[in-house]
Amino acid sequence: MGATENAELVRRGYEAFNTGDLAALSELFAEDAVWYAAGNGVLSGTKQGRDAILAYFGELGARSQGTFQAAVQDIVGGESHTIGLQQSRAENDGKTLDIATAISFVLRDGKVVEGREFFEDTAKADEFWT
């Protein structure tokens, strides 16, 4: 797949994530995909496999009472890496998260095989999810 197709795949992933369409989201990830969540918080660390990644996404929703949204700012497609620039927003027990986030996606054979999250302020993101 080329840069345009990769960007479209990532865009579909954002749409599925933001609408809670786990079936569509699941189709976009390779079974052995890996996700790296930056920081030292309770949700940080490496998620091994599609099921662990989807469980992590579910935890974002559960801990924010369903308010978490990844507002896409831009998607930059490449042959093997595609970057999603987003504003991450959520509410949790009276706290508000509104932080710039970049995710580097590695794509192979039309599937996401790796995702790496980078936050504008990792400490702020860690504190929000506690």
N, C-alpha and C. Protein backbone atom coordinates (compact mmCIF):
# COMPACT_ATOMS: atom_id res chain seq x y z
N MET A 1 0.84 -1.19 0.00
CA MET A 1 0.00 0.00 0.00
C MET A 1 0.88 1.24 0.00
N GLY A 2 0.37 2.29 -0.60
CA GLY A 2 1.11 3.54 -0.66
C GLY A 2 0.69 4.50 0.43
N ALA A 3 1.28 5.68 0.39
CA ALA A 3 1.05 6.69 1.41
C ALA A 3 -0.42 7.10 1.49
N THR A 4 -1.07 7.25 0.35
CA THR A 4 -2.48 7.67 0.35
C THR A 4 -3.37 6.60 0.99
N GLU A 5 -3.15 5.35 0.62
CA GLU A 5 -3.93 4.25 1.20
C GLU A 5 -3.68 4.10 2.69
N ASN A 6 -2.43 4.28 3.10
CA ASN A 6 -2.10 4.19 4.53
C ASN A 6 -2.79 5.29 5.32
N ALA A 7 -2.80 6.50 4.78
CA ALA A 7 -3.47 7.62 5.47
C ALA A 7 -4.96 7.34 5.58
N GLU A 8 -5.56 6.77 4.54
CA GLU A 8 -6.99 6.45 4.57
C GLU A 8 -7.28 5.37 5.60
N LEU A 9 -6.43 4.37 5.70
CA LEU A 9 -6.61 3.32 6.70
C LEU A 9 -6.58 3.91 8.10
N VAL A 10 -5.64 4.79 8.37
CA VAL A 10 -5.54 5.43 9.69
C VAL A 10 -6.76 6.31 9.93
N ARG A 11 -7.21 7.02 8.92
CA ARG A 11 -8.42 7.85 9.06
C ARG A 11 -9.63 6.99 9.42
N ARG A 12 -9.77 5.84 8.76
CA ARG A 12 -10.87 4.92 9.10
C ARG A 12 -10.74 4.43 10.54
N GLY A 13 -9.50 4.22 10.98
CA GLY A 13 -9.27 3.81 12.36
C GLY A 13 -9.73 4.85 13.36
N TYR A 14 -9.42 6.11 13.09
CA TYR A 14 -9.88 7.19 13.97
C TYR A 14 -11.40 7.25 14.01
N GLU A 15 -12.04 7.12 12.85
CA GLU A 15 -13.51 7.15 12.79
C GLU A 15 -14.10 6.01 13.61
N ALA A 16 -13.55 4.81 13.46
CA ALA A 16 -14.04 3.65 14.21
C ALA A 16 -13.81 3.85 15.71
N PHE A 17 -12.65 4.36 16.08
CA PHE A 17 -12.34 4.59 17.49
C PHE A 17 -13.34 5.59 18.09
N ASN A 18 -13.52 6.72 17.44
CA ASN A 18 -14.36 7.79 17.99
C ASN A 18 -15.85 7.44 18.02
N THR A 19 -16.27 6.47 17.21
CA THR A 19 -17.67 6.04 17.24
C THR A 19 -17.86 4.76 18.03
N GLY A 20 -16.77 4.22 18.59
CA GLY A 20 -16.87 3.00 19.39
C GLY A 20 -17.13 1.75 18.57
N ASP A 21 -16.76 1.76 17.30
CA ASP A 21 -16.98 0.61 16.42
C ASP A 21 -15.79 -0.35 16.55
N LEU A 22 -15.82 -1.19 17.59
CA LEU A 22 -14.70 -2.09 17.85
C LEU A 22 -14.53 -3.15 16.78
N ALA A 23 -15.61 -3.56 16.14
CA ALA A 23 -15.49 -4.56 15.07
C ALA A 23 -14.68 -3.98 13.91
N ALA A 24 -15.00 -2.76 13.49
CA ALA A 24 -14.26 -2.13 12.40
C ALA A 24 -12.82 -1.87 12.82
N LEU A 25 -12.62 -1.42 14.04
CA LEU A 25 -11.28 -1.14 14.54
C LEU A 25 -10.44 -2.41 14.58
N SER A 26 -11.04 -3.48 15.02
CA SER A 26 -10.34 -4.77 15.11
C SER A 26 -9.83 -5.22 13.75
N GLU A 27 -10.59 -4.96 12.69
CA GLU A 27 -10.20 -5.37 11.34
C GLU A 27 -8.96 -4.63 10.85
N LEU A 28 -8.67 -3.47 11.42
CA LEU A 28 -7.55 -2.65 10.96
C LEU A 28 -6.21 -3.04 11.59
N PHE A 29 -6.26 -3.83 12.68
CA PHE A 29 -5.04 -4.21 13.39
C PHE A 29 -4.65 -5.64 13.07
N ALA A 30 -3.34 -5.85 12.88
CA ALA A 30 -2.82 -7.21 12.76
C ALA A 30 -2.99 -7.90 14.12
N GLU A 31 -3.18 -9.20 14.08
CA GLU A 31 -3.38 -9.95 15.32
C GLU A 31 -2.22 -9.78 16.29
N ASP A 32 -1.00 -9.67 15.76
CA ASP A 32 0.19 -9.56 16.61
C ASP A 32 0.70 -8.12 16.73
N ALA A 33 -0.17 -7.15 16.50
CA ALA A 33 0.22 -5.74 16.59
C ALA A 33 0.70 -5.39 18.01
N VAL A 34 1.48 -4.32 18.08
CA VAL A 34 2.01 -3.83 19.35
C VAL A 34 1.68 -2.35 19.47
N TRP A 35 1.31 -1.93 20.68
CA TRP A 35 0.97 -0.52 20.94
C TRP A 35 1.80 -0.06 22.13
N TYR A 36 2.42 1.10 21.99
CA TYR A 36 3.24 1.68 23.06
C TYR A 36 2.56 2.95 23.56
N ALA A 37 2.15 2.95 24.80
CA ALA A 37 1.53 4.12 25.42
C ALA A 37 2.59 4.80 26.29
N ALA A 38 2.92 6.03 25.95
CA ALA A 38 4.00 6.75 26.62
C ALA A 38 3.66 7.03 28.09
N GLY A 39 4.71 7.30 28.85
CA GLY A 39 4.54 7.74 30.23
C GLY A 39 4.81 6.66 31.26
N ASN A 40 4.46 7.01 32.50
CA ASN A 40 4.67 6.12 33.64
C ASN A 40 3.37 5.91 34.42
N GLY A 41 2.24 6.22 33.80
CA GLY A 41 0.96 6.13 34.48
C GLY A 41 0.37 4.73 34.46
N VAL A 42 -0.85 4.62 34.99
CA VAL A 42 -1.50 3.33 35.10
C VAL A 42 -1.84 2.71 33.75
N LEU A 43 -1.97 3.52 32.71
CA LEU A 43 -2.29 2.99 31.39
C LEU A 43 -1.08 2.95 30.45
N SER A 44 0.07 3.40 30.94
CA SER A 44 1.28 3.43 30.13
C SER A 44 1.84 2.02 29.92
N GLY A 45 2.68 1.91 28.92
CA GLY A 45 3.37 0.65 28.70
C GLY A 45 3.03 0.01 27.37
N THR A 46 3.54 -1.18 27.17
CA THR A 46 3.41 -1.91 25.92
C THR A 46 2.19 -2.82 25.96
N LYS A 47 1.41 -2.76 24.91
CA LYS A 47 0.24 -3.64 24.75
C LYS A 47 0.57 -4.61 23.62
N GLN A 48 0.65 -5.88 23.93
CA GLN A 48 1.04 -6.90 22.96
C GLN A 48 -0.19 -7.59 22.39
N GLY A 49 -0.42 -7.45 21.10
CA GLY A 49 -1.50 -8.14 20.43
C GLY A 49 -2.76 -7.28 20.29
N ARG A 50 -3.53 -7.58 19.25
CA ARG A 50 -4.76 -6.83 18.95
C ARG A 50 -5.71 -6.80 20.13
N ASP A 51 -5.91 -7.93 20.81
CA ASP A 51 -6.86 -7.97 21.93
C ASP A 51 -6.42 -7.05 23.07
N ALA A 52 -5.13 -7.01 23.36
CA ALA A 52 -4.62 -6.13 24.42
C ALA A 52 -4.77 -4.66 24.01
N ILE A 53 -4.56 -4.37 22.75
CA ILE A 53 -4.72 -2.99 22.25
C ILE A 53 -6.18 -2.56 22.37
N LEU A 54 -7.09 -3.41 21.94
CA LEU A 54 -8.51 -3.07 22.04
C LEU A 54 -8.96 -2.94 23.49
N ALA A 55 -8.39 -3.77 24.37
CA ALA A 55 -8.71 -3.65 25.80
C ALA A 55 -8.21 -2.30 26.34
N TYR A 56 -7.04 -1.87 25.91
CA TYR A 56 -6.51 -0.56 26.29
C TYR A 56 -7.44 0.55 25.82
N PHE A 57 -7.88 0.49 24.57
CA PHE A 57 -8.81 1.48 24.06
C PHE A 57 -10.10 1.48 24.88
N GLY A 58 -10.57 0.30 25.25
CA GLY A 58 -11.76 0.19 26.10
C GLY A 58 -11.55 0.83 27.46
N GLU A 59 -10.35 0.69 27.99
CA GLU A 59 -10.02 1.29 29.29
C GLU A 59 -10.03 2.81 29.20
N LEU A 60 -9.59 3.37 28.08
CA LEU A 60 -9.66 4.82 27.90
C LEU A 60 -11.12 5.28 27.99
N GLY A 61 -11.99 4.53 27.35
CA GLY A 61 -13.41 4.87 27.39
C GLY A 61 -14.00 4.70 28.77
N ALA A 62 -13.68 3.60 29.42
CA ALA A 62 -14.24 3.32 30.75
C ALA A 62 -13.77 4.35 31.78
N ARG A 63 -12.49 4.68 31.76
CA ARG A 63 -11.95 5.61 32.76
C ARG A 63 -12.41 7.05 32.53
N SER A 64 -12.91 7.33 31.32
CA SER A 64 -13.40 8.68 31.02
C SER A 64 -14.93 8.71 30.91
N GLN A 65 -15.58 7.66 31.39
CA GLN A 65 -17.03 7.55 31.31
C GLN A 65 -17.53 7.81 29.88
N GLY A 66 -16.76 7.31 28.90
CA GLY A 66 -17.14 7.41 27.50
C GLY A 66 -16.90 8.76 26.86
N THR A 67 -16.17 9.65 27.52
CA THR A 67 -15.97 11.00 26.97
C THR A 67 -14.71 11.13 26.12
N PHE A 68 -13.81 10.16 26.17
CA PHE A 68 -12.55 10.30 25.44
C PHE A 68 -12.80 10.41 23.94
N GLN A 69 -12.20 11.40 23.33
CA GLN A 69 -12.26 11.59 21.88
C GLN A 69 -10.88 11.98 21.37
N ALA A 70 -10.54 11.46 20.21
CA ALA A 70 -9.30 11.79 19.53
C ALA A 70 -9.67 12.64 18.32
N ALA A 71 -9.60 13.96 18.49
CA ALA A 71 -9.97 14.89 17.42
C ALA A 71 -8.80 15.02 16.44
N VAL A 72 -8.98 14.47 15.26
CA VAL A 72 -7.91 14.45 14.26
C VAL A 72 -7.61 15.87 13.78
N GLN A 73 -6.35 16.23 13.83
CA GLN A 73 -5.87 17.50 13.29
C GLN A 73 -5.31 17.31 11.89
N ASP A 74 -4.57 16.20 11.72
CA ASP A 74 -3.97 15.91 10.41
C ASP A 74 -3.48 14.47 10.41
N ILE A 75 -3.40 13.90 9.23
CA ILE A 75 -2.82 12.57 9.05
C ILE A 75 -1.81 12.69 7.93
N VAL A 76 -0.58 12.28 8.22
CA VAL A 76 0.51 12.37 7.26
C VAL A 76 0.90 10.94 6.89
N GLY A 77 0.60 10.56 5.64
CA GLY A 77 0.85 9.20 5.20
C GLY A 77 2.23 9.01 4.63
N GLY A 78 2.78 7.85 4.88
CA GLY A 78 4.06 7.45 4.31
C GLY A 78 3.97 6.02 3.83
N GLU A 79 5.02 5.54 3.23
CA GLU A 79 5.02 4.18 2.70
C GLU A 79 4.96 3.12 3.80
N SER A 80 5.64 3.35 4.92
CA SER A 80 5.61 2.37 6.01
C SER A 80 5.18 2.98 7.34
N HIS A 81 5.26 4.31 7.47
CA HIS A 81 4.83 5.00 8.68
C HIS A 81 3.80 6.06 8.31
N THR A 82 2.79 6.16 9.15
CA THR A 82 1.78 7.20 8.99
C THR A 82 1.60 7.85 10.35
N ILE A 83 1.54 9.17 10.37
CA ILE A 83 1.45 9.91 11.63
C ILE A 83 0.06 10.53 11.75
N GLY A 84 -0.56 10.29 12.89
CA GLY A 84 -1.83 10.92 13.22
C GLY A 84 -1.58 12.00 14.26
N LEU A 85 -1.98 13.21 13.94
CA LEU A 85 -1.89 14.33 14.89
C LEU A 85 -3.29 14.59 15.40
N GLN A 86 -3.45 14.60 16.70
CA GLN A 86 -4.78 14.70 17.28
C GLN A 86 -4.77 15.56 18.54
N GLN A 87 -5.94 16.01 18.92
CA GLN A 87 -6.16 16.63 20.21
C GLN A 87 -6.95 15.61 21.01
N SER A 88 -6.36 15.12 22.11
CA SER A 88 -7.01 14.13 22.96
C SER A 88 -7.80 14.87 24.03
N ARG A 89 -9.10 14.55 24.11
CA ARG A 89 -9.97 15.23 25.07
C ARG A 89 -10.78 14.19 25.85
N ALA A 90 -10.90 14.43 27.16
CA ALA A 90 -11.71 13.55 28.00
C ALA A 90 -11.98 14.24 29.33
N GLU A 91 -12.95 13.68 30.04
CA GLU A 91 -13.25 14.11 31.41
C GLU A 91 -13.25 12.88 32.29
N ASN A 92 -12.82 13.08 33.55
CA ASN A 92 -12.72 11.96 34.48
C ASN A 92 -12.75 12.48 35.90
N ASP A 93 -13.82 12.20 36.62
CA ASP A 93 -13.94 12.58 38.03
C ASP A 93 -13.61 14.05 38.27
N GLY A 94 -14.17 14.93 37.47
CA GLY A 94 -13.95 16.36 37.63
C GLY A 94 -12.68 16.89 37.00
N LYS A 95 -11.85 16.01 36.44
CA LYS A 95 -10.63 16.43 35.76
C LYS A 95 -10.90 16.48 34.26
N THR A 96 -10.17 17.36 33.58
CA THR A 96 -10.30 17.50 32.13
C THR A 96 -8.94 17.26 31.48
N LEU A 97 -8.95 16.49 30.40
CA LEU A 97 -7.76 16.27 29.58
C LEU A 97 -8.00 16.96 28.24
N ASP A 98 -7.07 17.78 27.83
CA ASP A 98 -7.12 18.44 26.53
C ASP A 98 -5.67 18.64 26.12
N ILE A 99 -5.14 17.67 25.37
CA ILE A 99 -3.69 17.62 25.14
C ILE A 99 -3.39 17.18 23.70
N ALA A 100 -2.40 17.83 23.11
CA ALA A 100 -1.94 17.45 21.77
C ALA A 100 -1.25 16.09 21.85
N THR A 101 -1.55 15.25 20.86
CA THR A 101 -1.01 13.90 20.83
C THR A 101 -0.60 13.56 19.40
N ALA A 102 0.49 12.85 19.26
CA ALA A 102 0.89 12.31 17.96
C ALA A 102 1.01 10.81 18.10
N ILE A 103 0.52 10.10 17.11
CA ILE A 103 0.66 8.65 17.09
C ILE A 103 1.36 8.26 15.79
N SER A 104 2.42 7.50 15.94
CA SER A 104 3.14 6.95 14.80
C SER A 104 2.62 5.54 14.56
N PHE A 105 2.05 5.33 13.38
CA PHE A 105 1.53 4.02 13.00
C PHE A 105 2.48 3.37 12.02
N VAL A 106 2.80 2.10 12.25
CA VAL A 106 3.54 1.30 11.27
C VAL A 106 2.50 0.38 10.62
N LEU A 107 2.47 0.41 9.29
CA LEU A 107 1.48 -0.35 8.55
C LEU A 107 2.17 -1.36 7.65
N ARG A 108 1.58 -2.54 7.59
CA ARG A 108 2.12 -3.58 6.72
C ARG A 108 0.95 -4.41 6.20
N ASP A 109 0.92 -4.61 4.89
CA ASP A 109 -0.13 -5.43 4.26
C ASP A 109 -1.53 -4.96 4.63
N GLY A 110 -1.72 -3.65 4.70
CA GLY A 110 -3.03 -3.10 4.96
C GLY A 110 -3.50 -3.18 6.39
N LYS A 111 -2.58 -3.42 7.33
CA LYS A 111 -2.93 -3.53 8.75
C LYS A 111 -1.96 -2.69 9.58
N VAL A 112 -2.46 -2.20 10.71
CA VAL A 112 -1.59 -1.54 11.68
C VAL A 112 -0.85 -2.64 12.43
N VAL A 113 0.48 -2.58 12.43
CA VAL A 113 1.28 -3.56 13.16
C VAL A 113 1.95 -2.94 14.39
N GLU A 114 1.97 -1.60 14.44
CA GLU A 114 2.57 -0.93 15.60
C GLU A 114 1.99 0.47 15.72
N GLY A 115 1.76 0.89 16.95
CA GLY A 115 1.36 2.26 17.24
C GLY A 115 2.17 2.78 18.41
N ARG A 116 2.62 4.03 18.31
CA ARG A 116 3.39 4.68 19.39
C ARG A 116 2.77 6.04 19.66
N GLU A 117 2.29 6.24 20.90
CA GLU A 117 1.68 7.50 21.31
C GLU A 117 2.73 8.44 21.88
N PHE A 118 2.63 9.70 21.54
CA PHE A 118 3.49 10.75 22.09
C PHE A 118 2.60 11.90 22.52
N PHE A 119 2.72 12.32 23.78
CA PHE A 119 1.87 13.37 24.33
C PHE A 119 2.64 14.68 24.47
N GLU A 120 1.93 15.77 24.30
CA GLU A 120 2.48 17.11 24.52
C GLU A 120 3.05 17.23 25.93
N ASP A 121 2.37 16.67 26.90
CA ASP A 121 2.78 16.72 28.31
C ASP A 121 2.48 15.35 28.92
N THR A 122 3.46 14.48 28.93
CA THR A 122 3.26 13.11 29.39
C THR A 122 2.85 13.06 30.85
N ALA A 123 3.44 13.90 31.69
CA ALA A 123 3.08 13.91 33.11
C ALA A 123 1.61 14.28 33.30
N LYS A 124 1.14 15.23 32.52
CA LYS A 124 -0.26 15.65 32.60
C LYS A 124 -1.18 14.49 32.19
N ALA A 125 -0.82 13.79 31.14
CA ALA A 125 -1.61 12.65 30.70
C ALA A 125 -1.61 11.56 31.76
N ASP A 126 -0.44 11.26 32.34
CA ASP A 126 -0.35 10.26 33.41
C ASP A 126 -1.26 10.61 34.59
N GLU A 127 -1.22 11.88 34.99
CA GLU A 127 -2.00 12.32 36.15
C GLU A 127 -3.49 12.21 35.87
N PHE A 128 -3.91 12.51 34.66
CA PHE A 128 -5.32 12.46 34.34
C PHE A 128 -5.90 11.07 34.53
N TRP A 129 -5.16 10.03 34.11
CA TRP A 129 -5.68 8.67 34.13
C TRP A 129 -5.60 8.00 35.49
N THR A 130 -5.01 8.67 36.50
CA THR A 130 -4.92 8.05 37.84
C THR A 130 -6.25 8.06 38.54
